[in-house]
Each structure stands twice: as C-alpha cells, then as structure tokens.
Amino acid sequence: MPIQYYLFLSLALFSIGIMGTLMRRNAIIIFMCIELMLNAVNLLLVAFSKMYNDPSAQIFVFFSMVVAAAEVAVGLAIIVMMYRKVHSVDINILNRLKH
C-alpha cells in the first residue's frame, strides 16, 4: 500500500482527536481523543519505518505505547477521583476543586 493512505488515515485520526479535545467537556471523551492523537502519531511512525525498512521507529512506537498505557492508568485514576469528589466528569466543574 502506498504511504499516502497511511498519511491520510493518520491525518484524519489526528484531526478527529483535536476536534474532540477542543469541543467536548466530558473528561473521559477528552482523554480518549488525546489517546487517539497518540495512536495517529504511532501509526505515522510505523508507516515511515516500513517505508524506509528501519525497525528503530517501531521500537520507539512500542515504548510509546507502554508509556501511553501507564498514562491511561494514571489518567483514569484522576478521573475516578474527580468523579468521587464532585460527582461529575465535566471539566467546567473543576474550578470547585481549588477550594
């Protein structure tokens, strides 16, 4: 498959992630959109790695996915604690946590 298909798919995924992050107010959806943007970049790295026959980018993607998994664990823990405190996952209510 040509590299352009991977570029367009990665661009579409990244654009959906940006739009979801900027438009939504739900913390879980924003978190999922950030993960979608990370996966779009990983897809692009793997596509270029395949194009140039260089496995070092694929190793970097593997470690990036490991860090993203740890980020998911910490992020979901923060969202659960936020829900326990204010009984909502709306990011506009986070101003209550200042006091």
C-alpha atoms as a PDB file:
ATOM      1  CA  MET A   1       0.000   0.000   0.000  1.00  0.00           C
ATOM      2  CA  PRO A   2       1.279   3.497  -0.732  1.00  0.00           C
ATOM      3  CA  ILE A   3       2.415   5.724   2.122  1.00  0.00           C
ATOM      4  CA  GLN A   4      -0.244   8.314   1.216  1.00  0.00           C
ATOM      5  CA  TYR A   5      -3.004   6.066   2.582  1.00  0.00           C
ATOM      6  CA  TYR A   6      -1.274   5.929   5.936  1.00  0.00           C
ATOM      7  CA  LEU A   7      -0.708   9.689   5.877  1.00  0.00           C
ATOM      8  CA  PHE A   8      -4.365  10.436   5.158  1.00  0.00           C
ATOM      9  CA  LEU A   9      -5.581   7.980   7.797  1.00  0.00           C
ATOM     10  CA  SER A  10      -3.197   9.407  10.366  1.00  0.00           C
ATOM     11  CA  LEU A  11      -4.234  12.952   9.489  1.00  0.00           C
ATOM     12  CA  ALA A  12      -7.915  12.028   9.792  1.00  0.00           C
ATOM     13  CA  LEU A  13      -7.402  10.349  13.173  1.00  0.00           C
ATOM     14  CA  PHE A  14      -5.345  13.256  14.482  1.00  0.00           C
ATOM     15  CA  SER A  15      -7.933  15.781  13.267  1.00  0.00           C
ATOM     16  CA  ILE A  16     -10.764  13.865  14.929  1.00  0.00           C
ATOM     17  CA  GLY A  17      -8.723  13.798  18.138  1.00  0.00           C
ATOM     18  CA  ILE A  18      -8.072  17.551  18.044  1.00  0.00           C
ATOM     19  CA  MET A  19     -11.704  18.367  17.321  1.00  0.00           C
ATOM     20  CA  GLY A  20     -12.883  16.074  20.107  1.00  0.00           C
ATOM     21  CA  THR A  21     -10.424  17.584  22.570  1.00  0.00           C
ATOM     22  CA  LEU A  22     -11.404  21.163  21.765  1.00  0.00           C
ATOM     23  CA  MET A  23     -15.174  20.675  21.505  1.00  0.00           C
ATOM     24  CA  ARG A  24     -16.083  18.267  24.290  1.00  0.00           C
ATOM     25  CA  ARG A  25     -16.460  18.962  28.004  1.00  0.00           C
ATOM     26  CA  ASN A  26     -16.502  15.367  29.227  1.00  0.00           C
ATOM     27  CA  ALA A  27     -13.136  14.401  30.736  1.00  0.00           C
ATOM     28  CA  ILE A  28     -13.369  10.783  29.579  1.00  0.00           C
ATOM     29  CA  ILE A  29     -14.039  11.747  25.960  1.00  0.00           C
ATOM     30  CA  ILE A  30     -11.213  14.295  26.036  1.00  0.00           C
ATOM     31  CA  PHE A  31      -8.926  11.611  27.410  1.00  0.00           C
ATOM     32  CA  MET A  32      -9.942   9.207  24.622  1.00  0.00           C
ATOM     33  CA  CYS A  33      -9.322  11.904  21.992  1.00  0.00           C
ATOM     34  CA  ILE A  34      -5.822  12.513  23.347  1.00  0.00           C
ATOM     35  CA  GLU A  35      -5.145   8.771  23.091  1.00  0.00           C
ATOM     36  CA  LEU A  36      -6.493   8.845  19.528  1.00  0.00           C
ATOM     37  CA  MET A  37      -3.975  11.568  18.658  1.00  0.00           C
ATOM     38  CA  LEU A  38      -1.150   9.498  20.174  1.00  0.00           C
ATOM     39  CA  ASN A  39      -2.204   6.479  18.125  1.00  0.00           C
ATOM     40  CA  ALA A  40      -2.298   8.596  14.955  1.00  0.00           C
ATOM     41  CA  VAL A  41       1.317   9.610  15.533  1.00  0.00           C
ATOM     42  CA  ASN A  42       2.270   5.999  16.257  1.00  0.00           C
ATOM     43  CA  LEU A  43       0.634   4.897  13.005  1.00  0.00           C
ATOM     44  CA  LEU A  44       2.621   7.502  11.131  1.00  0.00           C
ATOM     45  CA  LEU A  45       5.881   6.389  12.744  1.00  0.00           C
ATOM     46  CA  VAL A  46       5.231   2.764  11.838  1.00  0.00           C
ATOM     47  CA  ALA A  47       4.341   3.728   8.255  1.00  0.00           C
ATOM     48  CA  PHE A  48       7.589   5.642   7.803  1.00  0.00           C
ATOM     49  CA  SER A  49       9.507   2.835   9.471  1.00  0.00           C
ATOM     50  CA  LYS A  50       8.045   0.386   6.977  1.00  0.00           C
ATOM     51  CA  MET A  51       8.798   2.700   4.077  1.00  0.00           C
ATOM     52  CA  TYR A  52      12.478   3.076   4.993  1.00  0.00           C
ATOM     53  CA  ASN A  53      12.959  -0.500   6.332  1.00  0.00           C
ATOM     54  CA  ASP A  54      14.198   0.844   9.667  1.00  0.00           C
ATOM     55  CA  PRO A  55      12.914  -1.023  12.744  1.00  0.00           C
ATOM     56  CA  SER A  56      14.106   1.628  15.215  1.00  0.00           C
ATOM     57  CA  ALA A  57      10.905   3.663  14.809  1.00  0.00           C
ATOM     58  CA  GLN A  58       8.838   0.563  15.564  1.00  0.00           C
ATOM     59  CA  ILE A  59      10.782   0.069  18.776  1.00  0.00           C
ATOM     60  CA  PHE A  60      10.099   3.707  19.668  1.00  0.00           C
ATOM     61  CA  VAL A  61       6.386   3.119  18.985  1.00  0.00           C
ATOM     62  CA  PHE A  62       6.430   0.101  21.293  1.00  0.00           C
ATOM     63  CA  PHE A  63       7.858   2.168  24.144  1.00  0.00           C
ATOM     64  CA  SER A  64       5.441   4.979  23.348  1.00  0.00           C
ATOM     65  CA  MET A  65       2.537   2.532  23.712  1.00  0.00           C
ATOM     66  CA  VAL A  66       3.905   1.343  27.049  1.00  0.00           C
ATOM     67  CA  VAL A  67       4.048   4.942  28.290  1.00  0.00           C
ATOM     68  CA  ALA A  68       0.526   5.544  26.935  1.00  0.00           C
ATOM     69  CA  ALA A  69      -0.749   2.524  28.881  1.00  0.00           C
ATOM     70  CA  ALA A  70       0.739   3.953  32.076  1.00  0.00           C
ATOM     71  CA  GLU A  71      -0.795   7.320  31.198  1.00  0.00           C
ATOM     72  CA  VAL A  72      -4.198   5.677  30.829  1.00  0.00           C
ATOM     73  CA  ALA A  73      -3.917   4.119  34.270  1.00  0.00           C
ATOM     74  CA  VAL A  74      -2.971   7.413  35.920  1.00  0.00           C
ATOM     75  CA  GLY A  75      -5.482   9.448  33.901  1.00  0.00           C
ATOM     76  CA  LEU A  76      -8.393   7.151  34.695  1.00  0.00           C
ATOM     77  CA  ALA A  77      -7.437   7.204  38.368  1.00  0.00           C
ATOM     78  CA  ILE A  78      -7.542  11.010  38.304  1.00  0.00           C
ATOM     79  CA  ILE A  79     -10.920  10.973  36.547  1.00  0.00           C
ATOM     80  CA  VAL A  80     -12.330   8.495  39.105  1.00  0.00           C
ATOM     81  CA  MET A  81     -11.100  10.670  41.982  1.00  0.00           C
ATOM     82  CA  MET A  82     -12.616  13.729  40.311  1.00  0.00           C
ATOM     83  CA  TYR A  83     -15.940  11.905  39.966  1.00  0.00           C
ATOM     84  CA  ARG A  84     -15.851  10.880  43.627  1.00  0.00           C
ATOM     85  CA  LYS A  85     -15.235  14.484  44.679  1.00  0.00           C
ATOM     86  CA  VAL A  86     -17.734  16.401  42.510  1.00  0.00           C
ATOM     87  CA  HIS A  87     -19.975  13.580  41.106  1.00  0.00           C
ATOM     88  CA  SER A  88     -19.372  14.714  37.539  1.00  0.00           C
ATOM     89  CA  VAL A  89     -16.754  14.358  34.823  1.00  0.00           C
ATOM     90  CA  ASP A  90     -17.491  17.776  33.314  1.00  0.00           C
ATOM     91  CA  ILE A  91     -14.251  19.761  33.107  1.00  0.00           C
ATOM     92  CA  ASN A  92     -16.018  23.066  33.779  1.00  0.00           C
ATOM     93  CA  ILE A  93     -16.737  21.910  37.325  1.00  0.00           C
ATOM     94  CA  LEU A  94     -13.022  21.517  38.076  1.00  0.00           C
ATOM     95  CA  ASN A  95     -12.938  25.063  39.447  1.00  0.00           C
ATOM     96  CA  ARG A  96     -14.628  23.672  42.582  1.00  0.00           C
ATOM     97  CA  LEU A  97     -11.514  21.619  43.346  1.00  0.00           C
ATOM     98  CA  LYS A  98      -9.461  24.762  44.021  1.00  0.00           C
ATOM     99  CA  HIS A  99     -11.013  25.204  47.456  1.00  0.00           C
END
